[in-house]
Amino acid sequence: MPRQVVRRQPRSRGDGADQWSTGLCECYKDMGDCCLALWCLPVFTCKVTRAVGVCPCLPLLDWVSCVPPASLGVRASVRERYGIKGSAWSDCLYGCCCYPLSWLQISRELKRRAASHASSSPSGRYTALRSLQGAHLV
């Protein structure tokens, strides 16, 4: 019976894996997304939503209500998927008060997590989100 050798040890949760990889106001780390969000925020939010794996038209609901339901749902979904600390209250605060910055942070998180999954995969072929091959949303 062949035995598999562990080449990498699992990371502990104490290395910051339970935090957002970038801060809310670190837009300068991805200028392409920042420019797209500045010039055409609805298109940018639809692209991010598609990368998450839900209906790309979902963010259009945000424009018809006071509390943006798509922003809250997508942010909470990404937080839960990657085990990021936070709450519905923080999602609501960021979604209502920092709407574009919140979407940009979600986009950066998806890119960084997809890139780290691709680099840590033994075959180099596994990515958590298929639509993020190459880690570019734009």
N, C-alpha and C. Protein backbone atom coordinates (compact mmCIF):
# COMPACT_ATOMS: atom_id res chain seq x y z
N MET A 1 0.85 -1.17 0.00
CA MET A 1 0.00 0.00 0.00
C MET A 1 0.90 1.25 0.00
N PRO A 2 0.73 2.14 -0.99
CA PRO A 2 1.58 3.34 -1.04
C PRO A 2 1.22 4.31 0.10
N ARG A 3 2.25 4.93 0.61
CA ARG A 3 2.04 5.91 1.68
C ARG A 3 2.26 7.31 1.12
N GLN A 4 1.40 8.22 1.52
CA GLN A 4 1.53 9.60 1.07
C GLN A 4 2.36 10.39 2.08
N VAL A 5 3.23 11.21 1.57
CA VAL A 5 4.08 12.03 2.41
C VAL A 5 3.49 13.43 2.48
N VAL A 6 3.41 13.96 3.69
CA VAL A 6 2.92 15.33 3.88
C VAL A 6 4.08 16.27 3.62
N ARG A 7 3.93 17.12 2.61
CA ARG A 7 5.01 18.05 2.26
C ARG A 7 4.85 19.39 2.96
N ARG A 8 3.64 19.76 3.29
CA ARG A 8 3.38 21.02 3.99
C ARG A 8 2.48 20.75 5.18
N GLN A 9 2.82 21.37 6.27
CA GLN A 9 1.99 21.24 7.45
C GLN A 9 0.83 22.22 7.35
N PRO A 10 -0.34 21.85 7.88
CA PRO A 10 -1.46 22.80 7.88
C PRO A 10 -1.12 24.03 8.71
N ARG A 11 -1.60 25.14 8.26
CA ARG A 11 -1.36 26.40 8.99
C ARG A 11 -2.28 26.49 10.19
N SER A 12 -1.78 27.13 11.21
CA SER A 12 -2.63 27.36 12.38
C SER A 12 -3.50 28.58 12.11
N ARG A 13 -4.57 28.70 12.85
CA ARG A 13 -5.48 29.83 12.68
C ARG A 13 -4.89 31.11 13.27
N GLY A 14 -3.75 31.04 13.91
CA GLY A 14 -3.16 32.21 14.54
C GLY A 14 -2.32 33.07 13.61
N ASP A 15 -2.21 32.72 12.32
CA ASP A 15 -1.35 33.47 11.42
C ASP A 15 -2.09 34.56 10.65
N GLY A 16 -3.26 34.97 11.13
CA GLY A 16 -4.01 36.02 10.47
C GLY A 16 -4.98 35.51 9.43
N ALA A 17 -5.14 34.19 9.35
CA ALA A 17 -6.04 33.61 8.35
C ALA A 17 -7.50 33.95 8.64
N ASP A 18 -7.79 34.39 9.85
CA ASP A 18 -9.16 34.71 10.20
C ASP A 18 -9.45 36.20 10.06
N GLN A 19 -8.59 36.92 9.36
CA GLN A 19 -8.76 38.36 9.11
C GLN A 19 -8.81 38.61 7.61
N TRP A 20 -9.35 39.75 7.21
CA TRP A 20 -9.30 40.16 5.82
C TRP A 20 -7.83 40.34 5.46
N SER A 21 -7.44 39.93 4.27
CA SER A 21 -6.04 40.01 3.87
C SER A 21 -5.59 41.44 3.61
N THR A 22 -6.52 42.33 3.30
CA THR A 22 -6.20 43.75 3.13
C THR A 22 -7.22 44.57 3.90
N GLY A 23 -6.84 45.78 4.22
CA GLY A 23 -7.74 46.67 4.93
C GLY A 23 -8.79 47.26 4.00
N LEU A 24 -9.77 47.87 4.58
CA LEU A 24 -10.87 48.44 3.82
C LEU A 24 -10.40 49.55 2.87
N CYS A 25 -9.44 50.34 3.29
CA CYS A 25 -9.00 51.49 2.49
C CYS A 25 -7.72 51.24 1.71
N GLU A 26 -7.39 49.99 1.45
CA GLU A 26 -6.17 49.67 0.71
C GLU A 26 -6.45 49.45 -0.77
N CYS A 27 -7.19 50.37 -1.36
CA CYS A 27 -7.56 50.28 -2.78
C CYS A 27 -6.35 50.36 -3.69
N TYR A 28 -5.32 51.05 -3.26
CA TYR A 28 -4.13 51.24 -4.09
C TYR A 28 -3.41 49.93 -4.39
N LYS A 29 -3.76 48.85 -3.70
CA LYS A 29 -3.11 47.56 -3.95
C LYS A 29 -3.63 46.88 -5.21
N ASP A 30 -4.71 47.39 -5.78
CA ASP A 30 -5.23 46.87 -7.04
C ASP A 30 -5.85 48.03 -7.81
N MET A 31 -5.01 48.74 -8.53
CA MET A 31 -5.46 49.95 -9.21
C MET A 31 -6.43 49.66 -10.36
N GLY A 32 -6.33 48.51 -11.00
CA GLY A 32 -7.26 48.17 -12.07
C GLY A 32 -8.69 48.09 -11.55
N ASP A 33 -8.88 47.38 -10.45
CA ASP A 33 -10.20 47.28 -9.86
C ASP A 33 -10.66 48.64 -9.32
N CYS A 34 -9.74 49.37 -8.75
CA CYS A 34 -10.09 50.68 -8.19
C CYS A 34 -10.61 51.61 -9.28
N CYS A 35 -9.95 51.63 -10.42
CA CYS A 35 -10.39 52.47 -11.53
C CYS A 35 -11.74 52.03 -12.07
N LEU A 36 -11.93 50.71 -12.23
CA LEU A 36 -13.21 50.22 -12.72
C LEU A 36 -14.33 50.57 -11.74
N ALA A 37 -14.08 50.41 -10.44
CA ALA A 37 -15.10 50.73 -9.45
C ALA A 37 -15.40 52.23 -9.44
N LEU A 38 -14.38 53.04 -9.66
CA LEU A 38 -14.57 54.49 -9.70
C LEU A 38 -15.42 54.91 -10.90
N TRP A 39 -15.14 54.34 -12.06
CA TRP A 39 -15.81 54.77 -13.28
C TRP A 39 -17.12 54.04 -13.54
N CYS A 40 -17.23 52.80 -13.11
CA CYS A 40 -18.46 52.05 -13.39
C CYS A 40 -18.72 51.02 -12.29
N LEU A 41 -19.14 51.51 -11.14
CA LEU A 41 -19.35 50.65 -9.97
C LEU A 41 -20.36 49.53 -10.21
N PRO A 42 -21.48 49.75 -10.90
CA PRO A 42 -22.41 48.64 -11.12
C PRO A 42 -21.80 47.47 -11.89
N VAL A 43 -21.00 47.76 -12.90
CA VAL A 43 -20.34 46.69 -13.66
C VAL A 43 -19.34 45.95 -12.77
N PHE A 44 -18.59 46.71 -11.98
CA PHE A 44 -17.61 46.10 -11.08
C PHE A 44 -18.28 45.17 -10.08
N THR A 45 -19.37 45.62 -9.46
CA THR A 45 -20.05 44.77 -8.47
C THR A 45 -20.61 43.51 -9.12
N CYS A 46 -21.09 43.62 -10.34
CA CYS A 46 -21.60 42.43 -11.05
C CYS A 46 -20.47 41.44 -11.35
N LYS A 47 -19.28 41.94 -11.69
CA LYS A 47 -18.15 41.06 -11.94
C LYS A 47 -17.71 40.35 -10.66
N VAL A 48 -17.68 41.06 -9.55
CA VAL A 48 -17.29 40.44 -8.28
C VAL A 48 -18.32 39.39 -7.88
N THR A 49 -19.59 39.72 -8.03
CA THR A 49 -20.65 38.78 -7.67
C THR A 49 -20.57 37.51 -8.52
N ARG A 50 -20.27 37.66 -9.79
CA ARG A 50 -20.10 36.50 -10.66
C ARG A 50 -18.93 35.64 -10.18
N ALA A 51 -17.84 36.27 -9.74
CA ALA A 51 -16.68 35.54 -9.24
C ALA A 51 -17.00 34.77 -7.96
N VAL A 52 -17.90 35.30 -7.16
CA VAL A 52 -18.31 34.61 -5.93
C VAL A 52 -19.12 33.37 -6.28
N GLY A 53 -19.80 33.40 -7.41
CA GLY A 53 -20.56 32.24 -7.85
C GLY A 53 -22.06 32.38 -7.74
N VAL A 54 -22.54 33.60 -7.61
CA VAL A 54 -23.99 33.84 -7.59
C VAL A 54 -24.38 34.67 -8.81
N CYS A 55 -25.65 34.94 -8.94
CA CYS A 55 -26.17 35.66 -10.09
C CYS A 55 -25.48 37.03 -10.24
N PRO A 56 -24.89 37.31 -11.39
CA PRO A 56 -24.19 38.57 -11.59
C PRO A 56 -25.09 39.80 -11.49
N CYS A 57 -26.38 39.64 -11.67
CA CYS A 57 -27.29 40.78 -11.60
C CYS A 57 -27.74 41.10 -10.18
N LEU A 58 -27.35 40.30 -9.22
CA LEU A 58 -27.76 40.50 -7.83
C LEU A 58 -27.45 41.90 -7.28
N PRO A 59 -26.28 42.49 -7.55
CA PRO A 59 -25.99 43.81 -7.00
C PRO A 59 -26.92 44.92 -7.48
N LEU A 60 -27.65 44.67 -8.55
CA LEU A 60 -28.58 45.70 -9.02
C LEU A 60 -29.69 45.94 -8.01
N LEU A 61 -29.94 44.97 -7.13
CA LEU A 61 -30.92 45.16 -6.05
C LEU A 61 -30.46 46.22 -5.05
N ASP A 62 -29.15 46.40 -4.94
CA ASP A 62 -28.62 47.38 -4.00
C ASP A 62 -29.06 48.81 -4.33
N TRP A 63 -29.36 49.05 -5.57
CA TRP A 63 -29.69 50.41 -6.00
C TRP A 63 -31.14 50.78 -5.72
N VAL A 64 -31.96 49.81 -5.27
CA VAL A 64 -33.37 50.10 -5.03
C VAL A 64 -33.75 50.06 -3.55
N SER A 65 -32.79 49.91 -2.66
CA SER A 65 -33.13 49.87 -1.23
C SER A 65 -32.13 50.69 -0.43
N CYS A 66 -32.51 51.01 0.79
CA CYS A 66 -31.64 51.78 1.68
C CYS A 66 -30.47 50.93 2.18
N VAL A 67 -30.77 49.69 2.56
CA VAL A 67 -29.74 48.77 3.01
C VAL A 67 -29.42 47.85 1.84
N PRO A 68 -28.17 47.82 1.39
CA PRO A 68 -27.81 47.03 0.20
C PRO A 68 -27.79 45.53 0.48
N PRO A 69 -28.83 44.80 0.10
CA PRO A 69 -28.90 43.37 0.42
C PRO A 69 -27.83 42.53 -0.27
N ALA A 70 -27.49 42.83 -1.50
CA ALA A 70 -26.48 42.04 -2.21
C ALA A 70 -25.10 42.25 -1.58
N SER A 71 -24.79 43.47 -1.26
CA SER A 71 -23.51 43.76 -0.64
C SER A 71 -23.37 43.01 0.68
N LEU A 72 -24.41 43.04 1.49
CA LEU A 72 -24.38 42.35 2.78
C LEU A 72 -24.25 40.85 2.58
N GLY A 73 -25.03 40.31 1.65
CA GLY A 73 -25.01 38.87 1.41
C GLY A 73 -23.68 38.37 0.86
N VAL A 74 -23.12 39.09 -0.09
CA VAL A 74 -21.85 38.67 -0.69
C VAL A 74 -20.72 38.79 0.33
N ARG A 75 -20.71 39.89 1.08
CA ARG A 75 -19.67 40.08 2.09
C ARG A 75 -19.75 38.99 3.16
N ALA A 76 -20.96 38.68 3.62
CA ALA A 76 -21.14 37.63 4.62
C ALA A 76 -20.75 36.26 4.06
N SER A 77 -21.07 36.02 2.80
CA SER A 77 -20.72 34.75 2.16
C SER A 77 -19.21 34.56 2.07
N VAL A 78 -18.50 35.59 1.66
CA VAL A 78 -17.04 35.52 1.56
C VAL A 78 -16.44 35.35 2.95
N ARG A 79 -16.97 36.07 3.93
CA ARG A 79 -16.49 35.97 5.30
C ARG A 79 -16.65 34.54 5.82
N GLU A 80 -17.81 33.95 5.59
CA GLU A 80 -18.07 32.59 6.04
C GLU A 80 -17.22 31.57 5.30
N ARG A 81 -17.09 31.73 3.99
CA ARG A 81 -16.32 30.78 3.17
C ARG A 81 -14.88 30.68 3.63
N TYR A 82 -14.27 31.80 4.01
CA TYR A 82 -12.86 31.81 4.37
C TYR A 82 -12.62 31.92 5.88
N GLY A 83 -13.67 31.87 6.68
CA GLY A 83 -13.50 31.89 8.13
C GLY A 83 -12.98 33.21 8.67
N ILE A 84 -13.38 34.30 8.05
CA ILE A 84 -12.94 35.63 8.47
C ILE A 84 -13.84 36.11 9.60
N LYS A 85 -13.22 36.67 10.62
CA LYS A 85 -13.98 37.19 11.76
C LYS A 85 -14.82 38.38 11.32
N GLY A 86 -15.97 38.52 11.93
CA GLY A 86 -16.86 39.63 11.63
C GLY A 86 -18.27 39.28 12.04
N SER A 87 -19.19 40.18 11.76
CA SER A 87 -20.57 39.96 12.14
C SER A 87 -21.49 40.61 11.11
N ALA A 88 -22.76 40.33 11.24
CA ALA A 88 -23.74 40.95 10.35
C ALA A 88 -23.74 42.47 10.55
N TRP A 89 -23.47 42.92 11.76
CA TRP A 89 -23.43 44.36 12.03
C TRP A 89 -22.28 45.02 11.29
N SER A 90 -21.12 44.40 11.29
CA SER A 90 -19.99 45.00 10.57
C SER A 90 -20.23 44.97 9.06
N ASP A 91 -20.84 43.88 8.57
CA ASP A 91 -21.18 43.81 7.16
C ASP A 91 -22.16 44.92 6.78
N CYS A 92 -23.13 45.15 7.63
CA CYS A 92 -24.12 46.21 7.39
C CYS A 92 -23.46 47.59 7.41
N LEU A 93 -22.59 47.82 8.37
CA LEU A 93 -21.89 49.11 8.47
C LEU A 93 -21.05 49.37 7.22
N TYR A 94 -20.25 48.37 6.81
CA TYR A 94 -19.40 48.55 5.64
C TYR A 94 -20.23 48.66 4.36
N GLY A 95 -21.30 47.88 4.28
CA GLY A 95 -22.15 47.91 3.08
C GLY A 95 -22.89 49.22 2.92
N CYS A 96 -23.30 49.82 4.02
CA CYS A 96 -24.06 51.08 3.96
C CYS A 96 -23.17 52.32 3.90
N CYS A 97 -22.10 52.32 4.67
CA CYS A 97 -21.28 53.54 4.79
C CYS A 97 -20.08 53.56 3.86
N CYS A 98 -19.59 52.41 3.49
CA CYS A 98 -18.38 52.32 2.67
C CYS A 98 -18.62 51.38 1.50
N TYR A 99 -19.69 51.58 0.79
CA TYR A 99 -20.15 50.65 -0.24
C TYR A 99 -19.07 50.30 -1.26
N PRO A 100 -18.46 51.27 -1.96
CA PRO A 100 -17.44 50.89 -2.96
C PRO A 100 -16.20 50.25 -2.33
N LEU A 101 -15.79 50.76 -1.17
CA LEU A 101 -14.62 50.20 -0.51
C LEU A 101 -14.86 48.76 -0.07
N SER A 102 -16.07 48.46 0.35
CA SER A 102 -16.41 47.11 0.74
C SER A 102 -16.31 46.14 -0.43
N TRP A 103 -16.84 46.54 -1.59
CA TRP A 103 -16.76 45.71 -2.79
C TRP A 103 -15.31 45.51 -3.23
N LEU A 104 -14.51 46.55 -3.14
CA LEU A 104 -13.10 46.44 -3.51
C LEU A 104 -12.36 45.48 -2.57
N GLN A 105 -12.68 45.53 -1.28
CA GLN A 105 -12.05 44.62 -0.32
C GLN A 105 -12.45 43.18 -0.61
N ILE A 106 -13.70 42.95 -0.94
CA ILE A 106 -14.16 41.60 -1.29
C ILE A 106 -13.40 41.10 -2.51
N SER A 107 -13.25 41.94 -3.51
CA SER A 107 -12.53 41.56 -4.73
C SER A 107 -11.09 41.19 -4.44
N ARG A 108 -10.40 42.00 -3.64
CA ARG A 108 -9.00 41.71 -3.30
C ARG A 108 -8.90 40.40 -2.52
N GLU A 109 -9.85 40.16 -1.63
CA GLU A 109 -9.84 38.93 -0.84
C GLU A 109 -10.00 37.71 -1.73
N LEU A 110 -10.93 37.77 -2.67
CA LEU A 110 -11.14 36.65 -3.59
C LEU A 110 -9.88 36.37 -4.40
N LYS A 111 -9.24 37.41 -4.88
CA LYS A 111 -8.03 37.23 -5.68
C LYS A 111 -6.90 36.62 -4.85
N ARG A 112 -6.70 37.14 -3.65
CA ARG A 112 -5.61 36.63 -2.81
C ARG A 112 -5.85 35.20 -2.37
N ARG A 113 -7.08 34.88 -2.01
CA ARG A 113 -7.37 33.50 -1.58
C ARG A 113 -7.26 32.54 -2.75
N ALA A 114 -7.72 32.93 -3.93
CA ALA A 114 -7.60 32.06 -5.10
C ALA A 114 -6.14 31.85 -5.46
N ALA A 115 -5.33 32.90 -5.38
CA ALA A 115 -3.91 32.78 -5.68
C ALA A 115 -3.20 31.90 -4.66
N SER A 116 -3.56 32.02 -3.38
CA SER A 116 -2.90 31.19 -2.36
C SER A 116 -3.32 29.73 -2.49
N HIS A 117 -4.56 29.47 -2.87
CA HIS A 117 -4.99 28.08 -3.09
C HIS A 117 -4.27 27.49 -4.29
N ALA A 118 -4.08 28.27 -5.32
CA ALA A 118 -3.41 27.77 -6.53
C ALA A 118 -1.94 27.47 -6.24
N SER A 119 -1.29 28.30 -5.43
CA SER A 119 0.13 28.09 -5.15
C SER A 119 0.36 26.98 -4.13
N SER A 120 -0.62 26.71 -3.25
CA SER A 120 -0.43 25.67 -2.24
C SER A 120 -0.91 24.31 -2.71
N SER A 121 -1.53 24.26 -3.85
CA SER A 121 -2.01 22.99 -4.39
C SER A 121 -0.84 22.16 -4.92
N PRO A 122 -0.78 20.88 -4.59
CA PRO A 122 0.33 20.07 -5.08
C PRO A 122 0.37 19.98 -6.60
N SER A 123 -0.78 19.94 -7.24
CA SER A 123 -0.81 19.83 -8.69
C SER A 123 -0.76 21.18 -9.37
N GLY A 124 -1.01 22.25 -8.61
CA GLY A 124 -1.03 23.59 -9.19
C GLY A 124 -2.30 23.85 -9.99
N ARG A 125 -3.24 22.91 -9.97
CA ARG A 125 -4.45 23.08 -10.78
C ARG A 125 -5.67 23.44 -9.94
N TYR A 126 -5.64 23.21 -8.66
CA TYR A 126 -6.81 23.45 -7.83
C TYR A 126 -6.97 24.93 -7.50
N THR A 127 -8.16 25.45 -7.70
CA THR A 127 -8.51 26.78 -7.21
C THR A 127 -9.89 26.68 -6.60
N ALA A 128 -10.11 27.41 -5.55
CA ALA A 128 -11.39 27.33 -4.85
C ALA A 128 -12.51 27.90 -5.71
N LEU A 129 -12.21 28.92 -6.50
CA LEU A 129 -13.21 29.56 -7.33
C LEU A 129 -12.78 29.42 -8.79
N ARG A 130 -13.47 28.64 -9.54
CA ARG A 130 -13.09 28.38 -10.93
C ARG A 130 -13.04 29.65 -11.77
N SER A 131 -13.93 30.61 -11.50
CA SER A 131 -13.99 31.81 -12.34
C SER A 131 -12.84 32.76 -12.07
N LEU A 132 -11.97 32.45 -11.12
CA LEU A 132 -10.84 33.32 -10.81
C LEU A 132 -9.53 32.79 -11.36
N GLN A 133 -9.56 31.94 -12.37
CA GLN A 133 -8.33 31.45 -12.99
C GLN A 133 -7.53 32.66 -13.45
N GLY A 134 -6.31 32.80 -13.02
CA GLY A 134 -5.48 33.94 -13.38
C GLY A 134 -5.64 35.09 -12.40
N ALA A 135 -6.59 34.99 -11.48
CA ALA A 135 -6.81 35.98 -10.42
C ALA A 135 -7.05 37.38 -10.93
N HIS A 136 -7.79 37.51 -12.03
CA HIS A 136 -8.17 38.82 -12.54
C HIS A 136 -9.66 38.87 -12.70
N LEU A 137 -10.29 39.86 -12.12
CA LEU A 137 -11.73 40.02 -12.27
C LEU A 137 -12.06 40.98 -13.40
N VAL A 138 -11.12 41.83 -13.73
CA VAL A 138 -11.36 42.84 -14.75
C VAL A 138 -10.90 42.35 -16.09
